Amino acid sequence: MSEKQPQSLSVLRQRLDKWLFFTRLQKSRSIAQKAIEAGHVRVNDARVTQPSFALKAGDVVVLSLDRRDMTVRVLQPGNRRGPYEEARLLYEDLTPPPVPGEKLNAFEQATRERGSGRPTKKERRDVDRLRPGWQED
């Protein structure tokens, strides 16, 4: 009886919602479930709508976040939601870096570089146009 028992299938696979929570890619498991059900998560180029989908090492997960899409490869299942350093060991980030000269989204257009001084009148008007319903008195 000193032989090691082979690991069960449940140890090698993990629920998608739990894994997203353990890797700190989502703030809570319920938020992860809602994102999956809304179709914001793809596994191996297939849209997944079941939070109970079983992930395994080697799967590629594409997660659509608010301002960017994140592509990660599953390295191992998680045991708990630990610190960032521990969570970072569960996946490999495959997200390509942003291309310089690419069209900026509204958030990036409204964000100014630190230390660049006050905005000019034209820059302030451009920022005001990005805010729907906001008008000067």
C-alpha atoms as a PDB file:
ATOM      1  CA  MET A   1       0.000   0.000   0.000  1.00  0.00           C
ATOM      2  CA  SER A   2       3.034   2.251  -0.175  1.00  0.00           C
ATOM      3  CA  GLU A   3       2.392   2.885  -3.870  1.00  0.00           C
ATOM      4  CA  LYS A   4       1.127   6.319  -4.810  1.00  0.00           C
ATOM      5  CA  GLN A   5      -2.436   6.436  -6.018  1.00  0.00           C
ATOM      6  CA  PRO A   6      -2.906   8.169  -9.394  1.00  0.00           C
ATOM      7  CA  GLN A   7      -4.376  11.636  -9.032  1.00  0.00           C
ATOM      8  CA  SER A   8      -8.074  11.755  -9.619  1.00  0.00           C
ATOM      9  CA  LEU A   9      -9.527  13.635 -12.570  1.00  0.00           C
ATOM     10  CA  SER A  10     -11.026  16.258 -10.252  1.00  0.00           C
ATOM     11  CA  VAL A  11      -7.530  17.245  -9.061  1.00  0.00           C
ATOM     12  CA  LEU A  12      -6.246  17.735 -12.611  1.00  0.00           C
ATOM     13  CA  ARG A  13      -9.238  19.830 -13.659  1.00  0.00           C
ATOM     14  CA  GLN A  14     -10.912  22.814 -12.022  1.00  0.00           C
ATOM     15  CA  ARG A  15     -14.082  24.823 -12.521  1.00  0.00           C
ATOM     16  CA  LEU A  16     -13.536  27.869 -14.728  1.00  0.00           C
ATOM     17  CA  ASP A  17     -15.180  30.310 -12.292  1.00  0.00           C
ATOM     18  CA  LYS A  18     -13.048  29.074  -9.377  1.00  0.00           C
ATOM     19  CA  TRP A  19      -9.879  29.283 -11.435  1.00  0.00           C
ATOM     20  CA  LEU A  20     -10.599  32.886 -12.524  1.00  0.00           C
ATOM     21  CA  PHE A  21     -11.199  33.786  -8.879  1.00  0.00           C
ATOM     22  CA  PHE A  22      -8.054  32.002  -7.626  1.00  0.00           C
ATOM     23  CA  THR A  23      -5.865  33.684 -10.283  1.00  0.00           C
ATOM     24  CA  ARG A  24      -7.192  37.123  -9.286  1.00  0.00           C
ATOM     25  CA  LEU A  25      -8.396  37.807 -12.836  1.00  0.00           C
ATOM     26  CA  GLN A  26     -11.872  38.397 -11.323  1.00  0.00           C
ATOM     27  CA  LYS A  27     -12.641  39.984  -7.958  1.00  0.00           C
ATOM     28  CA  SER A  28     -15.168  37.390  -6.836  1.00  0.00           C
ATOM     29  CA  ARG A  29     -16.469  34.040  -7.923  1.00  0.00           C
ATOM     30  CA  SER A  30     -19.951  35.433  -8.563  1.00  0.00           C
ATOM     31  CA  ILE A  31     -18.496  38.136 -10.851  1.00  0.00           C
ATOM     32  CA  ALA A  32     -16.568  35.398 -12.658  1.00  0.00           C
ATOM     33  CA  GLN A  33     -19.789  33.399 -13.089  1.00  0.00           C
ATOM     34  CA  LYS A  34     -21.613  36.417 -14.531  1.00  0.00           C
ATOM     35  CA  ALA A  35     -18.762  37.138 -16.969  1.00  0.00           C
ATOM     36  CA  ILE A  36     -18.771  33.522 -18.152  1.00  0.00           C
ATOM     37  CA  GLU A  37     -22.559  33.407 -18.568  1.00  0.00           C
ATOM     38  CA  ALA A  38     -22.463  36.712 -20.498  1.00  0.00           C
ATOM     39  CA  GLY A  39     -20.030  35.168 -22.978  1.00  0.00           C
ATOM     40  CA  HIS A  40     -16.977  37.256 -22.058  1.00  0.00           C
ATOM     41  CA  VAL A  41     -14.757  34.175 -21.659  1.00  0.00           C
ATOM     42  CA  ARG A  42     -13.384  31.885 -24.362  1.00  0.00           C
ATOM     43  CA  VAL A  43     -11.437  28.682 -23.780  1.00  0.00           C
ATOM     44  CA  ASN A  44      -9.353  27.303 -26.650  1.00  0.00           C
ATOM     45  CA  ASP A  45     -11.179  29.610 -29.121  1.00  0.00           C
ATOM     46  CA  ALA A  46     -14.613  28.319 -28.070  1.00  0.00           C
ATOM     47  CA  ARG A  47     -17.096  30.505 -26.200  1.00  0.00           C
ATOM     48  CA  VAL A  48     -17.942  29.033 -22.808  1.00  0.00           C
ATOM     49  CA  THR A  49     -21.177  29.884 -21.003  1.00  0.00           C
ATOM     50  CA  GLN A  50     -21.044  27.327 -18.178  1.00  0.00           C
ATOM     51  CA  PRO A  51     -19.175  28.411 -15.011  1.00  0.00           C
ATOM     52  CA  SER A  52     -18.702  24.700 -14.239  1.00  0.00           C
ATOM     53  CA  PHE A  53     -16.583  24.159 -17.378  1.00  0.00           C
ATOM     54  CA  ALA A  54     -13.572  22.024 -16.373  1.00  0.00           C
ATOM     55  CA  LEU A  55     -10.212  23.654 -17.150  1.00  0.00           C
ATOM     56  CA  LYS A  56      -7.005  21.685 -17.441  1.00  0.00           C
ATOM     57  CA  ALA A  57      -3.349  22.655 -17.738  1.00  0.00           C
ATOM     58  CA  GLY A  58      -2.511  23.885 -21.220  1.00  0.00           C
ATOM     59  CA  ASP A  59      -5.903  25.469 -21.972  1.00  0.00           C
ATOM     60  CA  VAL A  60      -5.816  29.013 -23.376  1.00  0.00           C
ATOM     61  CA  VAL A  61      -8.346  31.390 -21.788  1.00  0.00           C
ATOM     62  CA  VAL A  62      -9.329  34.712 -23.375  1.00  0.00           C
ATOM     63  CA  LEU A  63     -11.065  37.037 -20.919  1.00  0.00           C
ATOM     64  CA  SER A  64     -12.735  40.261 -22.106  1.00  0.00           C
ATOM     65  CA  LEU A  65     -12.232  42.879 -19.410  1.00  0.00           C
ATOM     66  CA  ASP A  66     -13.496  46.469 -19.346  1.00  0.00           C
ATOM     67  CA  ARG A  67     -10.600  48.088 -21.175  1.00  0.00           C
ATOM     68  CA  ARG A  68      -8.703  45.167 -22.708  1.00  0.00           C
ATOM     69  CA  ASP A  69      -8.773  41.504 -23.617  1.00  0.00           C
ATOM     70  CA  MET A  70      -6.485  39.236 -21.650  1.00  0.00           C
ATOM     71  CA  THR A  71      -5.081  35.979 -23.027  1.00  0.00           C
ATOM     72  CA  VAL A  72      -3.603  33.494 -20.557  1.00  0.00           C
ATOM     73  CA  ARG A  73      -2.475  29.860 -20.616  1.00  0.00           C
ATOM     74  CA  VAL A  74      -3.480  27.670 -17.679  1.00  0.00           C
ATOM     75  CA  LEU A  75      -0.398  26.228 -15.978  1.00  0.00           C
ATOM     76  CA  GLN A  76      -2.058  24.530 -13.008  1.00  0.00           C
ATOM     77  CA  PRO A  77      -5.287  24.546 -10.981  1.00  0.00           C
ATOM     78  CA  GLY A  78      -5.439  26.669  -7.849  1.00  0.00           C
ATOM     79  CA  ASN A  79      -6.008  25.607  -4.259  1.00  0.00           C
ATOM     80  CA  ARG A  80      -6.959  28.961  -2.756  1.00  0.00           C
ATOM     81  CA  ARG A  81      -7.106  32.679  -3.470  1.00  0.00           C
ATOM     82  CA  GLY A  82      -3.713  33.676  -2.183  1.00  0.00           C
ATOM     83  CA  PRO A  83      -1.472  36.676  -2.732  1.00  0.00           C
ATOM     84  CA  TYR A  84      -0.704  37.942  -6.231  1.00  0.00           C
ATOM     85  CA  GLU A  85       2.702  36.222  -6.332  1.00  0.00           C
ATOM     86  CA  GLU A  86       1.026  32.858  -5.667  1.00  0.00           C
ATOM     87  CA  ALA A  87      -1.815  33.499  -8.131  1.00  0.00           C
ATOM     88  CA  ARG A  88       0.657  34.513 -10.855  1.00  0.00           C
ATOM     89  CA  LEU A  89       2.101  30.968 -10.814  1.00  0.00           C
ATOM     90  CA  LEU A  90      -1.234  29.529 -12.005  1.00  0.00           C
ATOM     91  CA  TYR A  91      -1.088  31.086 -15.492  1.00  0.00           C
ATOM     92  CA  GLU A  92       1.185  32.436 -18.200  1.00  0.00           C
ATOM     93  CA  ASP A  93       0.199  35.794 -19.666  1.00  0.00           C
ATOM     94  CA  LEU A  94       0.038  35.641 -23.484  1.00  0.00           C
ATOM     95  CA  THR A  95      -1.570  39.060 -23.967  1.00  0.00           C
ATOM     96  CA  PRO A  96       0.262  40.932 -26.731  1.00  0.00           C
ATOM     97  CA  PRO A  97       1.622  44.358 -25.773  1.00  0.00           C
ATOM     98  CA  PRO A  98      -0.300  47.347 -27.144  1.00  0.00           C
ATOM     99  CA  VAL A  99       0.838  48.424 -30.597  1.00  0.00           C
ATOM    100  CA  PRO A 100       2.270  51.963 -30.636  1.00  0.00           C
ATOM    101  CA  GLY A 101       0.298  54.236 -32.910  1.00  0.00           C
ATOM    102  CA  GLU A 102      -2.847  52.179 -32.421  1.00  0.00           C
ATOM    103  CA  LYS A 103      -6.088  54.131 -32.063  1.00  0.00           C
ATOM    104  CA  LEU A 104      -6.648  55.054 -28.428  1.00  0.00           C
ATOM    105  CA  ASN A 105      -9.889  54.204 -26.675  1.00  0.00           C
ATOM    106  CA  ALA A 106     -11.916  56.879 -24.875  1.00  0.00           C
ATOM    107  CA  PHE A 107     -10.307  56.207 -21.492  1.00  0.00           C
ATOM    108  CA  GLU A 108      -6.776  56.470 -22.893  1.00  0.00           C
ATOM    109  CA  GLN A 109      -7.691  59.688 -24.709  1.00  0.00           C
ATOM    110  CA  ALA A 110      -8.967  61.264 -21.488  1.00  0.00           C
ATOM    111  CA  THR A 111      -5.933  60.205 -19.444  1.00  0.00           C
ATOM    112  CA  ARG A 112      -3.057  62.679 -19.366  1.00  0.00           C
ATOM    113  CA  GLU A 113       0.546  61.849 -18.681  1.00  0.00           C
ATOM    114  CA  ARG A 114       1.643  62.687 -15.170  1.00  0.00           C
ATOM    115  CA  GLY A 115       3.498  65.992 -14.982  1.00  0.00           C
ATOM    116  CA  SER A 116       2.315  67.266 -18.361  1.00  0.00           C
ATOM    117  CA  GLY A 117       0.773  70.392 -16.828  1.00  0.00           C
ATOM    118  CA  ARG A 118      -2.705  71.798 -17.105  1.00  0.00           C
ATOM    119  CA  PRO A 119      -4.794  70.900 -20.141  1.00  0.00           C
ATOM    120  CA  THR A 120      -5.227  73.481 -22.843  1.00  0.00           C
ATOM    121  CA  LYS A 121      -8.700  74.749 -23.616  1.00  0.00           C
ATOM    122  CA  LYS A 122      -8.885  72.466 -26.666  1.00  0.00           C
ATOM    123  CA  GLU A 123      -7.796  69.418 -24.651  1.00  0.00           C
ATOM    124  CA  ARG A 124     -10.358  70.192 -21.943  1.00  0.00           C
ATOM    125  CA  ARG A 125     -13.131  70.448 -24.548  1.00  0.00           C
ATOM    126  CA  ASP A 126     -12.050  67.123 -26.054  1.00  0.00           C
ATOM    127  CA  VAL A 127     -12.280  65.492 -22.621  1.00  0.00           C
ATOM    128  CA  ASP A 128     -15.684  67.090 -22.011  1.00  0.00           C
ATOM    129  CA  ARG A 129     -16.980  65.587 -25.267  1.00  0.00           C
ATOM    130  CA  LEU A 130     -16.126  62.113 -23.950  1.00  0.00           C
ATOM    131  CA  ARG A 131     -18.392  62.520 -20.935  1.00  0.00           C
ATOM    132  CA  PRO A 132     -21.991  61.894 -22.008  1.00  0.00           C
ATOM    133  CA  GLY A 133     -24.548  64.244 -20.517  1.00  0.00           C
ATOM    134  CA  TRP A 134     -21.938  66.468 -18.870  1.00  0.00           C
ATOM    135  CA  GLN A 135     -22.380  70.110 -19.692  1.00  0.00           C
ATOM    136  CA  GLU A 136     -20.977  73.311 -18.309  1.00  0.00           C
ATOM    137  CA  ASP A 137     -23.332  75.614 -16.372  1.00  0.00           C
END
